[in-house]
Amino acid sequence: MAAIRLVETSLRDGNQCLWGALGVDTARTLSIAPVMERVGYAAIDFTTSTHMGVAVRYKQQDPWERIRLMAAACQTTPLQFLSTGFRFISWETASPEFMALAFATLTRNGIRRFALADPTNDAVANAAAARLVKQGGGEQVIGALVFTLSPIHDDAHYADAARTMAACPDIDALYIKDPGGLLTPERARTLIPAILAEIGGKPLELHAHNTIGLGDRTYLAGAALGVAALQCASGGAADGTSNPPIERTVRNLREQGHKVDVDDDALAQVGRYFADLAAADGLPTGAPMAYDAGYVRHQLPGGMVGTMRRHLADHRVPHLEGAVIEELGRVREELGWPIVMTPFAQMLQTQAVMNVTGAERYATIPDEIVRYALGRFGRPNRPIAAYVMDRILSSPRARELQSEPEMAPLADLRRRVGAQLSDEEFLLRATMPGAMVDAVQAAGPAPRDYDPAVRPVMALVEQLLARTDLTRVTVEKPGFRLELETDA
């Protein structure tokens, strides 16, 4: 049995799947960083440009500062940045020179490993991005094979993409990225050998979710078939729609005879931290999921199913859920079988709801569907159905969007945004409202310390201070006493 390495995903994917990317800030990251460094992970799945935007928009924190501080705390464990196509923060397609600047700036601030996941599985585009990463100083590039179920996403599809990426000298490893948790052990037993046969000596990793309870068993199958690393989350950030729990995965691997060389005490401490964080902050935690055959029909991420139900309930048509799911499958086929991942998951869901609730199908077409048809999100896996393409292109809005200018040359963009800005500030201001970046600068350095054990006490103190009918308060627990008294 082979030695299996681990990639820790709590700060990025676990946080995104269970907490809407809002559960972790700079203090909550840095407080566990020294322990994560001791574990012995192959890498820490740390951030994306979307998460960087969340830091600015919702936390008023500098994402570059967070990267630098985490990199300083994890000097032997590479931090991973996930890039989904040629984009940075904005969903606007970025120019190669803009992406080159983004990759180089990320590297300079402490990102050492880049995962490249093109939402259309465009292996050529991944190879082009990998070249930019390496030119910018990135140490490791791992190319994604994004898994989905459709008539065209067979083993040959993935083998072809794997062959193209493996031939690229700038891609160091590949990974099967299963955002929907759809890969079964049975399919893994044909898919993984087909990919390994094409990639020579380059390592293959596996990233799956437990959305319908398949992840644990698929990970064991992958390990037996030659996968070099598994991507897992910890404690309260694991399971459910997130990734398989790391401690359970390690126990299962060792039970099967695999070697997993990690610091078990540090691993357990990381798990307790994310469990305590979720409890202290009132965040939902993942739980083992039952198999749901109906999920295969729509493949929507767990959070989006809830969004769809709320939308239908708000419009007083909750009984149309089944019709929307059926329509989503039709729309996906008509649009060339896009993978149900961001941004396509949101686009498919929106169009399906509009088709079901509108006067006729495609009576209303969202701008993002039009942009997709115009090729702004890459090449569709299959040509869009002719009657749908005609409907899209004949709309006045399509003609307007066709004339949208592409991203300005980098030099022009710098002059417009601010020639004197640092690369870090320029990248934020070029992709986000300036007022949000101003708010980050006004807020100053982010707090760096967080202790989930203190959180309930602080919440109680805040509630008591909000009351006007108290003159004296004593808060006491073992090892802690606090007395507050008004001047009156």
Protein backbone atom coordinates (compact mmCIF):
# COMPACT_ATOMS: atom_id res chain seq x y z
CA MET A 1 0.00 0.00 0.00
CA ALA A 2 1.27 3.49 -0.89
CA ALA A 3 1.90 6.49 1.32
CA ILE A 4 -0.94 8.99 0.96
CA ARG A 5 -0.51 12.73 1.47
CA LEU A 6 -3.19 15.17 2.59
CA VAL A 7 -4.28 18.61 1.40
CA GLU A 8 -6.22 20.51 4.10
CA THR A 9 -9.27 22.38 2.72
CA SER A 10 -11.06 23.93 5.73
CA LEU A 11 -9.99 27.53 5.19
CA ARG A 12 -11.08 27.58 1.54
CA ASP A 13 -13.50 24.85 0.46
CA GLY A 14 -14.95 23.90 3.83
CA ASN A 15 -15.48 27.57 4.60
CA GLN A 16 -17.14 28.06 1.22
CA CYS A 17 -19.38 24.99 1.23
CA LEU A 18 -20.72 25.25 4.77
CA TRP A 19 -20.27 28.91 5.70
CA GLY A 20 -20.73 30.78 2.42
CA ALA A 21 -17.03 31.79 2.47
CA LEU A 22 -17.85 34.10 5.41
CA GLY A 23 -16.87 31.93 8.39
CA VAL A 24 -13.15 32.64 8.37
CA ASP A 25 -11.37 35.97 8.69
CA THR A 26 -7.74 36.90 9.29
CA ALA A 27 -7.78 36.32 13.05
CA ARG A 28 -9.54 32.96 12.71
CA THR A 29 -6.96 31.95 10.12
CA LEU A 30 -3.83 33.00 11.97
CA SER A 31 -4.91 31.58 15.32
CA ILE A 32 -4.68 28.01 14.00
CA ALA A 33 -1.84 28.58 11.52
CA PRO A 34 1.05 27.35 13.73
CA VAL A 35 -0.79 24.10 14.43
CA MET A 36 -1.62 23.56 10.76
CA GLU A 37 2.06 24.06 9.96
CA ARG A 38 3.00 21.21 12.33
CA VAL A 39 0.64 18.63 10.82
CA GLY A 40 2.67 17.81 7.72
CA TYR A 41 0.11 18.51 4.97
CA ALA A 42 1.16 18.39 1.34
CA ALA A 43 -0.52 21.80 1.04
CA ILE A 44 -3.21 24.00 2.55
CA ASP A 45 -6.06 24.88 0.17
CA PHE A 46 -6.03 28.50 1.25
CA THR A 47 -7.86 30.98 -0.96
CA THR A 48 -9.30 32.03 -4.30
CA SER A 49 -9.83 35.44 -5.84
CA THR A 50 -13.50 35.08 -4.83
CA HIS A 51 -12.47 34.66 -1.19
CA MET A 52 -10.16 37.64 -1.53
CA GLY A 53 -13.15 39.65 -2.73
CA VAL A 54 -15.18 38.42 0.25
CA ALA A 55 -12.43 39.63 2.61
CA VAL A 56 -12.73 43.11 1.13
CA ARG A 57 -16.50 43.26 0.66
CA TYR A 58 -17.73 41.69 3.90
CA LYS A 59 -14.82 41.74 6.35
CA GLN A 60 -13.10 45.03 5.43
CA GLN A 61 -9.80 43.16 5.58
CA ASP A 62 -6.81 43.22 3.28
CA PRO A 63 -6.57 39.78 1.59
CA TRP A 64 -2.93 40.39 0.68
CA GLU A 65 -2.10 40.94 4.34
CA ARG A 66 -3.84 37.66 5.21
CA ILE A 67 -1.80 35.76 2.62
CA ARG A 68 1.49 37.26 3.81
CA LEU A 69 0.83 36.56 7.47
CA MET A 70 -0.30 32.98 6.80
CA ALA A 71 2.71 32.33 4.58
CA ALA A 72 5.01 33.58 7.33
CA ALA A 73 3.38 31.15 9.77
CA CYS A 74 3.47 28.20 7.33
CA GLN A 75 6.95 28.31 5.86
CA THR A 76 7.19 24.59 5.08
CA THR A 77 3.56 23.97 4.03
CA PRO A 78 2.65 25.45 0.62
CA LEU A 79 -0.44 27.65 0.49
CA GLN A 80 -2.68 26.87 -2.48
CA PHE A 81 -4.61 29.37 -4.60
CA LEU A 82 -7.50 28.03 -6.72
CA SER A 83 -7.92 29.81 -10.06
CA THR A 84 -11.04 29.10 -12.11
CA GLY A 85 -10.30 30.14 -15.64
CA PHE A 86 -8.89 33.47 -16.79
CA ARG A 87 -10.50 35.60 -14.11
CA PHE A 88 -9.50 37.42 -10.95
CA ILE A 89 -12.21 38.51 -8.46
CA SER A 90 -14.48 39.85 -11.24
CA TRP A 91 -16.22 37.34 -13.52
CA GLU A 92 -15.07 39.43 -16.46
CA THR A 93 -12.63 37.45 -18.60
CA ALA A 94 -9.19 38.85 -17.87
CA SER A 95 -6.39 39.36 -20.35
CA PRO A 96 -3.28 37.17 -20.18
CA GLU A 97 -1.16 40.13 -19.05
CA PHE A 98 -3.62 40.90 -16.23
CA MET A 99 -3.59 37.27 -15.08
CA ALA A 100 0.21 37.22 -15.29
CA LEU A 101 0.31 40.19 -12.92
CA ALA A 102 -2.18 38.52 -10.57
CA PHE A 103 -0.22 35.26 -10.46
CA ALA A 104 3.10 37.05 -9.92
CA THR A 105 1.63 39.21 -7.14
CA LEU A 106 0.10 36.19 -5.42
CA THR A 107 3.46 34.43 -5.58
CA ARG A 108 5.31 37.44 -4.20
CA ASN A 109 2.91 37.60 -1.25
CA GLY A 110 3.36 33.92 -0.32
CA ILE A 111 1.25 31.62 -2.54
CA ARG A 112 3.44 28.71 -3.62
CA ARG A 113 0.94 26.28 -5.17
CA PHE A 114 -1.70 27.06 -7.80
CA ALA A 115 -4.66 24.80 -8.64
CA LEU A 116 -6.07 25.58 -12.09
CA ALA A 117 -9.69 24.55 -12.70
CA ASP A 118 -11.13 25.71 -15.99
CA PRO A 119 -14.95 25.53 -15.73
CA THR A 120 -15.17 23.97 -19.22
CA ASN A 121 -12.27 21.55 -18.67
CA ASP A 122 -10.27 23.40 -21.31
CA ALA A 123 -6.89 21.71 -20.89
CA VAL A 124 -5.21 24.08 -23.35
CA ALA A 125 -6.37 27.07 -21.30
CA ASN A 126 -5.05 25.41 -18.13
CA ALA A 127 -1.67 24.89 -19.80
CA ALA A 128 -1.58 28.56 -20.81
CA ALA A 129 -2.38 29.64 -17.26
CA ALA A 130 0.27 27.27 -15.88
CA ARG A 131 2.86 28.93 -18.09
CA LEU A 132 1.95 32.33 -16.66
CA VAL A 133 2.15 30.98 -13.09
CA LYS A 134 5.64 29.59 -13.59
CA GLN A 135 6.81 32.74 -15.36
CA GLY A 136 5.62 34.66 -12.30
CA GLY A 137 7.61 32.50 -9.91
CA GLY A 138 4.99 29.99 -8.76
CA GLU A 139 6.53 26.79 -7.39
CA GLN A 140 3.80 24.21 -8.01
CA VAL A 141 0.93 23.96 -10.49
CA ILE A 142 -1.78 21.32 -10.24
CA GLY A 143 -4.19 21.05 -13.16
CA ALA A 144 -7.81 20.11 -12.49
CA LEU A 145 -9.97 17.57 -14.27
CA VAL A 146 -13.41 18.79 -13.16
CA PHE A 147 -15.68 15.78 -12.80
CA THR A 148 -19.33 15.73 -13.73
CA LEU A 149 -21.92 13.35 -15.11
CA SER A 150 -23.21 13.86 -18.64
CA PRO A 151 -23.30 11.94 -21.92
CA ILE A 152 -20.08 13.63 -23.05
CA HIS A 153 -18.01 13.53 -19.85
CA ASP A 154 -16.82 9.95 -20.21
CA ASP A 155 -13.44 8.47 -19.30
CA ALA A 156 -12.08 9.32 -22.76
CA HIS A 157 -12.93 13.00 -22.20
CA TYR A 158 -10.86 13.09 -19.03
CA ALA A 159 -8.05 10.99 -20.47
CA ASP A 160 -7.72 13.42 -23.39
CA ALA A 161 -7.60 16.44 -21.07
CA ALA A 162 -5.12 14.67 -18.78
CA ARG A 163 -2.85 13.88 -21.72
CA THR A 164 -2.79 17.54 -22.79
CA MET A 165 -2.00 18.83 -19.32
CA ALA A 166 0.56 16.13 -18.55
CA ALA A 167 2.44 17.15 -21.70
CA CYS A 168 2.76 20.69 -20.34
CA PRO A 169 6.11 21.11 -18.53
CA ASP A 170 4.59 23.84 -16.35
CA ILE A 171 1.98 21.50 -14.79
CA ASP A 172 3.53 19.45 -11.99
CA ALA A 173 0.53 17.31 -10.98
CA LEU A 174 -3.13 16.76 -11.81
CA TYR A 175 -6.20 16.29 -9.69
CA ILE A 176 -9.73 15.06 -10.15
CA LYS A 177 -11.93 17.85 -8.82
CA ASP A 178 -15.42 16.57 -8.01
CA PRO A 179 -17.36 19.65 -6.79
CA GLY A 180 -20.69 17.81 -6.83
CA GLY A 181 -19.58 14.73 -4.91
CA LEU A 182 -20.74 12.59 -7.86
CA LEU A 183 -17.81 10.22 -8.32
CA THR A 184 -18.65 6.71 -7.17
CA PRO A 185 -16.05 4.06 -6.27
CA GLU A 186 -17.24 2.07 -9.29
CA ARG A 187 -16.63 4.95 -11.71
CA ALA A 188 -13.31 5.71 -10.00
CA ARG A 189 -12.12 2.21 -10.86
CA THR A 190 -12.33 3.01 -14.58
CA LEU A 191 -11.67 6.75 -14.53
CA ILE A 192 -8.50 6.81 -12.41
CA PRO A 193 -6.63 4.12 -14.39
CA ALA A 194 -7.60 5.88 -17.64
CA ILE A 195 -6.07 9.12 -16.35
CA LEU A 196 -2.97 7.52 -14.83
CA ALA A 197 -2.25 5.83 -18.15
CA GLU A 198 -1.91 9.27 -19.77
CA ILE A 199 0.12 11.27 -17.24
CA GLY A 200 3.32 9.29 -16.89
CA GLY A 201 5.03 9.90 -13.59
CA LYS A 202 3.08 13.00 -12.64
CA PRO A 203 1.11 12.60 -9.38
CA LEU A 204 -2.69 12.45 -9.38
CA GLU A 205 -4.72 13.84 -6.47
CA LEU A 206 -8.41 13.51 -5.66
CA HIS A 207 -10.78 16.20 -4.39
CA ALA A 208 -14.38 15.16 -3.68
CA HIS A 209 -17.35 16.23 -1.57
CA ASN A 210 -19.68 14.25 0.65
CA THR A 211 -22.84 15.84 -0.75
CA ILE A 212 -24.57 12.48 -1.27
CA GLY A 213 -22.36 10.39 0.98
CA LEU A 214 -19.90 9.07 -1.61
CA GLY A 215 -16.67 10.84 -0.68
CA ASP A 216 -15.27 8.49 1.98
CA ARG A 217 -15.61 5.33 -0.08
CA THR A 218 -14.39 7.02 -3.24
CA TYR A 219 -11.29 8.24 -1.41
CA LEU A 220 -10.46 4.69 -0.32
CA ALA A 221 -10.95 3.47 -3.88
CA GLY A 222 -8.72 6.27 -5.18
CA ALA A 223 -5.97 5.47 -2.70
CA ALA A 224 -6.01 1.80 -3.74
CA LEU A 225 -5.80 2.80 -7.42
CA GLY A 226 -2.72 4.99 -7.11
CA VAL A 227 -3.90 8.46 -6.11
CA ALA A 228 -1.05 10.27 -4.35
CA ALA A 229 -2.98 12.76 -2.20
CA LEU A 230 -6.51 13.33 -0.90
CA GLN A 231 -8.07 16.70 -0.12
CA CYS A 232 -9.98 16.83 3.17
CA ALA A 233 -11.44 19.30 5.67
CA SER A 234 -11.33 19.31 9.47
CA GLY A 235 -13.79 19.42 12.36
CA GLY A 236 -16.81 21.63 11.85
CA ALA A 237 -15.67 22.57 8.33
CA ALA A 238 -15.88 18.97 7.07
CA ASP A 239 -18.55 16.55 5.85
CA GLY A 240 -22.00 17.38 4.47
CA THR A 241 -21.57 19.36 1.27
CA SER A 242 -17.91 19.90 2.22
CA ASN A 243 -15.02 17.47 1.83
CA PRO A 244 -14.59 14.21 3.78
CA PRO A 245 -13.33 14.71 7.35
CA ILE A 246 -9.59 14.40 7.55
CA GLU A 247 -9.37 12.37 10.78
CA ARG A 248 -11.92 9.83 9.57
CA THR A 249 -10.10 9.60 6.24
CA VAL A 250 -6.78 8.97 7.98
CA ARG A 251 -8.29 6.23 10.15
CA ASN A 252 -9.84 4.54 7.12
CA LEU A 253 -6.64 4.77 5.09
CA ARG A 254 -4.57 3.23 7.86
CA GLU A 255 -7.15 0.52 8.36
CA GLN A 256 -6.68 -0.36 4.69
CA GLY A 257 -2.91 -0.54 5.17
CA HIS A 258 -1.89 2.83 3.75
CA LYS A 259 0.75 5.00 5.38
CA VAL A 260 -0.24 8.56 6.29
CA ASP A 261 2.71 10.47 7.75
CA VAL A 262 1.25 13.31 9.79
CA ASP A 263 1.45 14.63 13.35
CA ASP A 264 -1.70 13.06 14.77
CA ASP A 265 -1.85 15.34 17.81
CA ALA A 266 -1.66 18.47 15.66
CA LEU A 267 -4.20 16.97 13.25
CA ALA A 268 -6.65 16.43 16.12
CA GLN A 269 -6.03 19.95 17.42
CA VAL A 270 -6.92 21.43 14.05
CA GLY A 271 -10.14 19.41 14.03
CA ARG A 272 -11.10 20.61 17.52
CA TYR A 273 -10.39 24.20 16.53
CA PHE A 274 -12.78 24.20 13.58
CA ALA A 275 -15.43 22.40 15.63
CA ASP A 276 -15.07 24.95 18.44
CA LEU A 277 -15.07 27.85 15.95
CA ALA A 278 -18.34 26.67 14.42
CA ALA A 279 -19.94 26.23 17.85
CA ALA A 280 -18.74 29.61 19.14
CA ASP A 281 -19.81 31.54 16.04
CA GLY A 282 -23.10 29.70 15.49
CA LEU A 283 -22.02 28.29 12.13
CA PRO A 284 -23.54 25.14 10.61
CA THR A 285 -21.43 22.02 10.66
CA GLY A 286 -21.32 19.19 8.18
CA ALA A 287 -22.80 15.79 8.96
CA PRO A 288 -22.72 12.43 7.16
CA MET A 289 -25.11 12.53 4.21
CA ALA A 290 -27.46 9.86 2.89
CA TYR A 291 -27.33 8.88 -0.76
CA ASP A 292 -29.81 10.86 -2.85
CA ALA A 293 -30.35 9.49 -6.36
CA GLY A 294 -32.41 12.55 -7.30
CA TYR A 295 -29.40 14.80 -6.80
CA VAL A 296 -27.76 13.31 -9.88
CA ARG A 297 -30.47 14.90 -12.03
CA HIS A 298 -29.61 18.49 -11.12
CA GLN A 299 -26.13 18.28 -9.47
CA LEU A 300 -26.59 21.65 -7.78
CA PRO A 301 -24.30 22.41 -4.85
CA GLY A 302 -26.13 22.04 -1.53
CA GLY A 303 -26.38 25.75 -0.81
CA MET A 304 -27.92 26.43 -4.20
CA VAL A 305 -30.73 23.94 -3.63
CA GLY A 306 -31.73 25.98 -0.59
CA THR A 307 -31.52 29.19 -2.62
CA MET A 308 -33.78 27.72 -5.30
CA ARG A 309 -36.36 26.66 -2.72
CA ARG A 310 -36.36 30.09 -1.08
CA HIS A 311 -36.78 31.76 -4.47
CA LEU A 312 -39.74 29.57 -5.37
CA ALA A 313 -41.30 30.05 -1.93
CA ASP A 314 -40.91 33.84 -2.20
CA HIS A 315 -42.83 33.69 -5.48
CA ARG A 316 -45.42 31.36 -3.91
CA VAL A 317 -44.70 28.52 -6.32
CA PRO A 318 -42.81 25.97 -4.17
CA HIS A 319 -44.72 23.21 -5.95
CA LEU A 320 -42.66 23.93 -9.09
CA GLU A 321 -39.42 22.59 -7.61
CA GLY A 322 -39.66 19.30 -9.50
CA ALA A 323 -40.39 21.12 -12.75
CA VAL A 324 -37.38 23.41 -12.24
CA ILE A 325 -35.09 20.42 -11.65
CA GLU A 326 -36.33 18.75 -14.81
CA GLU A 327 -35.93 22.01 -16.73
CA LEU A 328 -32.40 22.47 -15.41
CA GLY A 329 -31.43 19.19 -17.07
CA ARG A 330 -32.94 20.33 -20.39
CA VAL A 331 -31.20 23.71 -20.21
CA ARG A 332 -27.89 22.07 -19.44
CA GLU A 333 -28.17 19.83 -22.49
CA GLU A 334 -29.23 22.73 -24.74
CA LEU A 335 -26.27 24.82 -23.56
CA GLY A 336 -23.73 22.12 -24.38
CA TRP A 337 -23.49 20.23 -21.08
CA PRO A 338 -21.63 22.81 -18.95
CA ILE A 339 -20.27 21.50 -15.66
CA VAL A 340 -22.50 22.41 -12.72
CA MET A 341 -19.93 24.54 -10.91
CA THR A 342 -19.47 28.28 -10.44
CA PRO A 343 -20.37 30.26 -12.51
CA PHE A 344 -22.39 27.79 -14.59
CA ALA A 345 -24.38 26.38 -11.67
CA GLN A 346 -25.87 29.80 -10.92
CA MET A 347 -26.53 30.48 -14.59
CA LEU A 348 -28.28 27.16 -15.21
CA GLN A 349 -30.43 27.50 -12.12
CA THR A 350 -31.52 31.04 -12.98
CA GLN A 351 -32.43 30.15 -16.57
CA ALA A 352 -34.36 27.05 -15.46
CA VAL A 353 -36.41 29.03 -12.94
CA MET A 354 -37.15 31.71 -15.55
CA ASN A 355 -38.17 29.09 -18.11
CA VAL A 356 -40.59 27.41 -15.70
CA THR A 357 -42.11 30.55 -14.20
CA GLY A 358 -42.15 32.66 -17.40
CA ALA A 359 -44.66 32.82 -20.21
CA GLU A 360 -42.45 30.65 -22.44
CA ARG A 361 -39.01 29.07 -22.39
CA TYR A 362 -36.17 31.55 -22.94
CA ALA A 363 -38.58 34.47 -22.92
CA THR A 364 -36.10 36.08 -20.56
CA ILE A 365 -32.39 35.34 -20.86
CA PRO A 366 -29.97 36.58 -18.18
CA ASP A 367 -26.93 38.53 -19.31
CA GLU A 368 -24.56 35.81 -18.07
CA ILE A 369 -26.23 33.22 -20.33
CA VAL A 370 -25.80 35.63 -23.25
CA ARG A 371 -22.14 36.14 -22.38
CA TYR A 372 -21.70 32.38 -22.15
CA ALA A 373 -23.18 31.99 -25.66
CA LEU A 374 -20.83 34.71 -26.89
CA GLY A 375 -17.83 32.76 -25.59
CA ARG A 376 -16.95 35.01 -22.67
CA PHE A 377 -16.60 32.03 -20.32
CA GLY A 378 -14.58 29.85 -22.68
CA ARG A 379 -15.62 27.30 -25.25
CA PRO A 380 -18.74 25.23 -24.47
CA ASN A 381 -18.14 21.49 -24.29
CA ARG A 382 -20.60 21.04 -27.16
CA PRO A 383 -22.21 23.59 -29.49
CA ILE A 384 -25.30 25.26 -28.05
CA ALA A 385 -28.54 23.97 -29.55
CA ALA A 386 -29.22 25.93 -32.73
CA TYR A 387 -32.74 27.10 -31.78
CA VAL A 388 -31.49 28.33 -28.39
CA MET A 389 -28.49 30.07 -29.95
CA ASP A 390 -30.78 31.78 -32.46
CA ARG A 391 -33.06 32.94 -29.64
CA ILE A 392 -30.11 34.33 -27.70
CA LEU A 393 -28.37 36.08 -30.58
CA SER A 394 -31.58 37.63 -31.93
CA SER A 395 -32.23 39.49 -28.70
CA PRO A 396 -31.40 43.22 -28.51
CA ARG A 397 -29.44 42.56 -25.33
CA ALA A 398 -27.13 40.15 -27.16
CA ARG A 399 -26.26 42.86 -29.66
CA GLU A 400 -25.46 45.23 -26.81
CA LEU A 401 -23.27 42.69 -25.03
CA GLN A 402 -21.49 41.77 -28.25
CA SER A 403 -20.19 45.32 -28.40
CA GLU A 404 -18.89 45.25 -24.82
CA PRO A 405 -15.19 46.13 -24.88
CA GLU A 406 -12.74 43.51 -23.73
CA MET A 407 -10.52 44.25 -20.74
CA ALA A 408 -8.35 47.26 -21.52
CA PRO A 409 -4.60 46.74 -22.01
CA LEU A 410 -2.81 46.61 -18.68
CA ALA A 411 -0.97 49.89 -19.20
CA ASP A 412 -4.24 51.72 -19.99
CA LEU A 413 -5.96 50.11 -17.03
CA ARG A 414 -3.16 51.20 -14.73
CA ARG A 415 -3.41 54.79 -15.93
CA ARG A 416 -7.17 54.77 -15.39
CA VAL A 417 -7.15 53.08 -11.97
CA GLY A 418 -3.99 54.68 -10.62
CA ALA A 419 -0.48 54.49 -12.02
CA GLN A 420 1.08 55.08 -8.61
CA LEU A 421 -0.67 52.18 -6.88
CA SER A 422 1.09 49.06 -5.70
CA ASP A 423 0.30 45.90 -7.66
CA GLU A 424 -1.76 44.63 -4.73
CA GLU A 425 -3.96 47.73 -4.48
CA PHE A 426 -4.24 48.03 -8.26
CA LEU A 427 -5.56 44.46 -8.60
CA LEU A 428 -8.24 45.14 -6.00
CA ARG A 429 -9.29 48.51 -7.40
CA ALA A 430 -9.37 47.18 -10.97
CA THR A 431 -11.87 44.48 -10.01
CA MET A 432 -13.90 45.93 -7.09
CA PRO A 433 -15.68 49.19 -6.21
CA GLY A 434 -13.18 51.73 -4.98
CA ALA A 435 -15.26 52.55 -1.89
CA MET A 436 -14.82 48.98 -0.65
CA VAL A 437 -11.06 49.19 -0.98
CA ASP A 438 -11.16 52.57 0.79
CA ALA A 439 -13.01 50.92 3.68
CA VAL A 440 -10.31 48.27 4.00
CA GLN A 441 -7.62 50.92 4.16
CA ALA A 442 -9.58 52.91 6.73
CA ALA A 443 -10.02 49.81 8.89
CA GLY A 444 -6.26 49.29 9.16
CA PRO A 445 -4.52 46.02 10.02
CA ALA A 446 -6.88 43.14 10.79
CA PRO A 447 -7.02 41.58 14.27
CA ARG A 448 -4.73 38.59 14.52
CA ASP A 449 -5.96 36.68 17.56
CA TYR A 450 -9.10 34.62 18.03
CA ASP A 451 -10.03 32.13 20.73
CA PRO A 452 -13.35 30.32 20.26
CA ALA A 453 -13.43 29.51 23.98
CA VAL A 454 -13.73 33.23 24.82
CA ARG A 455 -16.38 33.99 22.21
CA PRO A 456 -19.47 33.00 24.30
CA VAL A 457 -18.27 35.17 27.20
CA MET A 458 -17.70 38.16 24.94
CA ALA A 459 -21.14 37.71 23.37
CA LEU A 460 -22.69 37.71 26.86
CA VAL A 461 -20.79 40.86 27.83
CA GLU A 462 -21.97 42.61 24.67
CA GLN A 463 -25.60 41.69 25.46
CA LEU A 464 -25.28 42.93 29.03
CA LEU A 465 -23.67 46.20 27.98
CA ALA A 466 -26.61 46.85 25.66
CA ARG A 467 -29.01 46.81 28.61
CA THR A 468 -29.89 50.03 30.43
CA ASP A 469 -31.49 48.53 33.55
CA LEU A 470 -28.27 47.19 35.11
CA THR A 471 -25.68 49.02 37.20
CA ARG A 472 -23.40 46.14 38.09
CA VAL A 473 -22.58 42.86 36.39
CA THR A 474 -20.32 40.00 37.42
CA VAL A 475 -19.28 37.33 34.93
CA GLU A 476 -17.60 34.34 36.48
CA LYS A 477 -16.48 30.88 35.43
CA PRO A 478 -13.60 28.62 36.49
CA GLY A 479 -10.40 30.59 36.09
CA PHE A 480 -12.16 33.77 34.94
CA ARG A 481 -13.94 36.65 36.73
CA LEU A 482 -15.04 40.00 35.30
CA GLU A 483 -16.84 42.78 37.18
CA LEU A 484 -18.45 45.73 35.43
CA GLU A 485 -20.01 48.68 37.22
CA THR A 486 -21.43 52.00 36.01
CA ASP A 487 -20.18 55.34 37.34
CA ALA A 488 -23.64 56.22 38.65
